[in-house]
Amino acid sequence: MMPTDPDDQADVEFTCPRCATAARARFYGPCQSCRSSLASTYGGPGRQIDVGRFEPAMHVVPNQIATKD
């Protein structure tokens, strides 16, 4: 594993891919105003999904020697 250089974690300047304004952030992506707009539009509370207990299917054929009389 290679050590990370502190300079690699500095903010970079780029154009926001959504609104085409100049932005400065650590990672490339939507600017802060676009992120907050997207979060308010598409974000929502999390939900809990109930999943039934896993029951493996019986696709096993008995061994022919074990069933031999």
N, C-alpha and C. Protein backbone atom coordinates (compact mmCIF):
# COMPACT_ATOMS: atom_id res chain seq x y z
N MET A 1 0.84 -1.16 0.00
CA MET A 1 0.00 0.00 0.00
C MET A 1 0.89 1.23 0.00
N MET A 2 0.61 2.16 -0.88
CA MET A 2 1.44 3.34 -0.99
C MET A 2 0.92 4.44 -0.08
N PRO A 3 1.81 5.15 0.60
CA PRO A 3 1.35 6.25 1.44
C PRO A 3 0.77 7.37 0.59
N THR A 4 -0.20 8.05 1.12
CA THR A 4 -0.81 9.15 0.38
C THR A 4 -0.06 10.43 0.66
N ASP A 5 0.08 11.23 -0.34
CA ASP A 5 0.75 12.51 -0.23
C ASP A 5 -0.26 13.54 0.23
N PRO A 6 0.04 14.36 1.23
CA PRO A 6 -0.94 15.37 1.69
C PRO A 6 -1.35 16.33 0.58
N ASP A 7 -0.47 16.55 -0.39
CA ASP A 7 -0.82 17.45 -1.49
C ASP A 7 -1.88 16.86 -2.41
N ASP A 8 -2.00 15.53 -2.43
CA ASP A 8 -3.01 14.88 -3.27
C ASP A 8 -4.42 15.12 -2.74
N GLN A 9 -4.56 15.49 -1.48
CA GLN A 9 -5.87 15.68 -0.88
C GLN A 9 -6.31 17.13 -0.88
N ALA A 10 -5.59 17.98 -1.61
CA ALA A 10 -5.95 19.39 -1.68
C ALA A 10 -7.14 19.58 -2.62
N ASP A 11 -7.85 20.68 -2.45
CA ASP A 11 -8.99 20.99 -3.31
C ASP A 11 -8.49 21.29 -4.73
N VAL A 12 -9.30 20.92 -5.70
CA VAL A 12 -8.98 21.19 -7.10
C VAL A 12 -10.07 22.09 -7.68
N GLU A 13 -9.70 22.85 -8.67
CA GLU A 13 -10.67 23.71 -9.35
C GLU A 13 -11.15 23.01 -10.62
N PHE A 14 -12.45 23.06 -10.88
CA PHE A 14 -13.05 22.44 -12.05
C PHE A 14 -14.35 23.14 -12.36
N THR A 15 -14.94 22.78 -13.48
CA THR A 15 -16.24 23.30 -13.87
C THR A 15 -17.30 22.30 -13.44
N CYS A 16 -18.34 22.78 -12.79
CA CYS A 16 -19.42 21.91 -12.33
C CYS A 16 -20.07 21.25 -13.55
N PRO A 17 -20.19 19.92 -13.56
CA PRO A 17 -20.78 19.25 -14.71
C PRO A 17 -22.29 19.48 -14.84
N ARG A 18 -22.92 20.00 -13.81
CA ARG A 18 -24.37 20.20 -13.84
C ARG A 18 -24.76 21.61 -14.25
N CYS A 19 -24.11 22.62 -13.64
CA CYS A 19 -24.51 24.00 -13.92
C CYS A 19 -23.43 24.80 -14.65
N ALA A 20 -22.28 24.21 -14.90
CA ALA A 20 -21.18 24.80 -15.67
C ALA A 20 -20.60 26.05 -15.02
N THR A 21 -20.61 26.14 -13.69
CA THR A 21 -19.95 27.23 -12.99
C THR A 21 -18.62 26.73 -12.44
N ALA A 22 -17.73 27.66 -12.13
CA ALA A 22 -16.44 27.29 -11.56
C ALA A 22 -16.67 26.78 -10.14
N ALA A 23 -15.99 25.69 -9.80
CA ALA A 23 -16.15 25.09 -8.48
C ALA A 23 -14.79 24.69 -7.94
N ARG A 24 -14.71 24.56 -6.63
CA ARG A 24 -13.47 24.12 -5.98
C ARG A 24 -13.86 23.12 -4.91
N ALA A 25 -13.37 21.90 -5.04
CA ALA A 25 -13.70 20.84 -4.08
C ALA A 25 -12.60 19.79 -4.10
N ARG A 26 -12.66 18.87 -3.18
CA ARG A 26 -11.66 17.81 -3.11
C ARG A 26 -11.84 16.79 -4.24
N PHE A 27 -13.11 16.49 -4.59
CA PHE A 27 -13.39 15.52 -5.64
C PHE A 27 -14.22 16.17 -6.73
N TYR A 28 -14.10 15.66 -7.96
CA TYR A 28 -14.86 16.15 -9.09
C TYR A 28 -16.31 15.71 -8.95
N GLY A 29 -17.23 16.61 -9.26
CA GLY A 29 -18.65 16.31 -9.19
C GLY A 29 -19.44 17.59 -9.14
N PRO A 30 -20.72 17.50 -8.84
CA PRO A 30 -21.55 18.70 -8.75
C PRO A 30 -21.04 19.64 -7.65
N CYS A 31 -21.22 20.95 -7.87
CA CYS A 31 -20.81 21.94 -6.87
C CYS A 31 -21.72 21.84 -5.65
N GLN A 32 -21.38 22.57 -4.60
CA GLN A 32 -22.12 22.49 -3.34
C GLN A 32 -23.58 22.90 -3.52
N SER A 33 -23.84 23.95 -4.30
CA SER A 33 -25.24 24.38 -4.49
C SER A 33 -26.04 23.34 -5.27
N CYS A 34 -25.41 22.70 -6.25
CA CYS A 34 -26.10 21.65 -7.00
C CYS A 34 -26.35 20.43 -6.11
N ARG A 35 -25.39 20.09 -5.26
CA ARG A 35 -25.57 18.95 -4.36
C ARG A 35 -26.71 19.18 -3.39
N SER A 36 -26.80 20.39 -2.85
CA SER A 36 -27.90 20.67 -1.92
C SER A 36 -29.23 20.69 -2.65
N SER A 37 -29.25 21.18 -3.89
CA SER A 37 -30.47 21.17 -4.69
C SER A 37 -30.91 19.73 -4.99
N LEU A 38 -29.97 18.88 -5.37
CA LEU A 38 -30.29 17.48 -5.65
C LEU A 38 -30.76 16.76 -4.39
N ALA A 39 -30.13 17.04 -3.26
CA ALA A 39 -30.52 16.39 -2.01
C ALA A 39 -31.93 16.79 -1.60
N SER A 40 -32.29 18.05 -1.81
CA SER A 40 -33.63 18.48 -1.43
C SER A 40 -34.69 17.95 -2.41
N THR A 41 -34.31 17.78 -3.68
CA THR A 41 -35.25 17.29 -4.69
C THR A 41 -35.43 15.78 -4.62
N TYR A 42 -34.33 15.04 -4.59
CA TYR A 42 -34.40 13.59 -4.69
C TYR A 42 -34.14 12.87 -3.38
N GLY A 43 -33.62 13.56 -2.40
CA GLY A 43 -33.32 12.92 -1.11
C GLY A 43 -34.60 12.67 -0.34
N GLY A 44 -34.52 11.78 0.55
CA GLY A 44 -35.68 11.46 1.38
C GLY A 44 -35.24 10.65 2.56
N PRO A 45 -36.16 10.40 3.45
CA PRO A 45 -35.79 9.60 4.61
C PRO A 45 -35.49 8.16 4.20
N GLY A 46 -34.61 7.54 4.93
CA GLY A 46 -34.30 6.14 4.67
C GLY A 46 -35.48 5.27 5.05
N ARG A 47 -35.48 4.07 4.57
CA ARG A 47 -36.59 3.17 4.90
C ARG A 47 -36.03 1.81 5.29
N GLN A 48 -36.77 1.13 6.11
CA GLN A 48 -36.39 -0.20 6.56
C GLN A 48 -37.14 -1.23 5.71
N ILE A 49 -36.40 -2.16 5.14
CA ILE A 49 -37.01 -3.19 4.31
C ILE A 49 -36.98 -4.50 5.09
N ASP A 50 -38.14 -5.12 5.24
CA ASP A 50 -38.22 -6.40 5.93
C ASP A 50 -37.94 -7.52 4.94
N VAL A 51 -36.94 -8.30 5.26
CA VAL A 51 -36.55 -9.41 4.40
C VAL A 51 -36.81 -10.69 5.18
N GLY A 52 -37.46 -11.62 4.54
CA GLY A 52 -37.75 -12.90 5.19
C GLY A 52 -36.48 -13.70 5.42
N ARG A 53 -36.60 -14.67 6.29
CA ARG A 53 -35.47 -15.51 6.59
C ARG A 53 -35.07 -16.32 5.36
N PHE A 54 -33.76 -16.48 5.14
CA PHE A 54 -33.27 -17.23 3.99
C PHE A 54 -33.51 -18.72 4.18
N GLU A 55 -34.19 -19.30 3.23
CA GLU A 55 -34.44 -20.74 3.23
C GLU A 55 -33.83 -21.30 1.94
N PRO A 56 -32.75 -22.06 2.04
CA PRO A 56 -32.12 -22.58 0.82
C PRO A 56 -33.04 -23.59 0.13
N ALA A 57 -33.03 -23.55 -1.19
CA ALA A 57 -33.84 -24.48 -1.97
C ALA A 57 -33.17 -25.86 -1.97
N MET A 58 -33.96 -26.87 -2.00
CA MET A 58 -33.42 -28.24 -2.00
C MET A 58 -33.28 -28.74 -3.43
N HIS A 59 -32.17 -28.37 -4.05
CA HIS A 59 -31.89 -28.82 -5.40
C HIS A 59 -30.88 -29.97 -5.39
N VAL A 60 -30.79 -30.65 -4.27
CA VAL A 60 -29.80 -31.70 -4.12
C VAL A 60 -30.44 -33.05 -4.41
N VAL A 61 -29.79 -33.82 -5.25
CA VAL A 61 -30.24 -35.17 -5.57
C VAL A 61 -29.52 -36.14 -4.65
N PRO A 62 -30.21 -37.07 -4.02
CA PRO A 62 -29.52 -38.03 -3.14
C PRO A 62 -28.47 -38.82 -3.89
N ASN A 63 -27.43 -39.17 -3.20
CA ASN A 63 -26.35 -39.95 -3.77
C ASN A 63 -26.89 -41.33 -4.15
N GLN A 64 -26.62 -41.80 -5.35
CA GLN A 64 -27.14 -43.06 -5.83
C GLN A 64 -26.62 -44.23 -5.02
N ILE A 65 -25.38 -44.17 -4.58
CA ILE A 65 -24.83 -45.27 -3.79
C ILE A 65 -25.50 -45.33 -2.42
N ALA A 66 -25.79 -44.17 -1.83
CA ALA A 66 -26.39 -44.14 -0.50
C ALA A 66 -27.83 -44.68 -0.54
N THR A 67 -28.52 -44.57 -1.67
CA THR A 67 -29.89 -45.04 -1.77
C THR A 67 -29.97 -46.47 -2.31
N LYS A 68 -28.85 -47.07 -2.64
CA LYS A 68 -28.83 -48.42 -3.21
C LYS A 68 -29.21 -49.44 -2.13
N ASP A 69 -30.08 -50.35 -2.46
CA ASP A 69 -30.50 -51.39 -1.51
C ASP A 69 -29.62 -52.60 -1.59
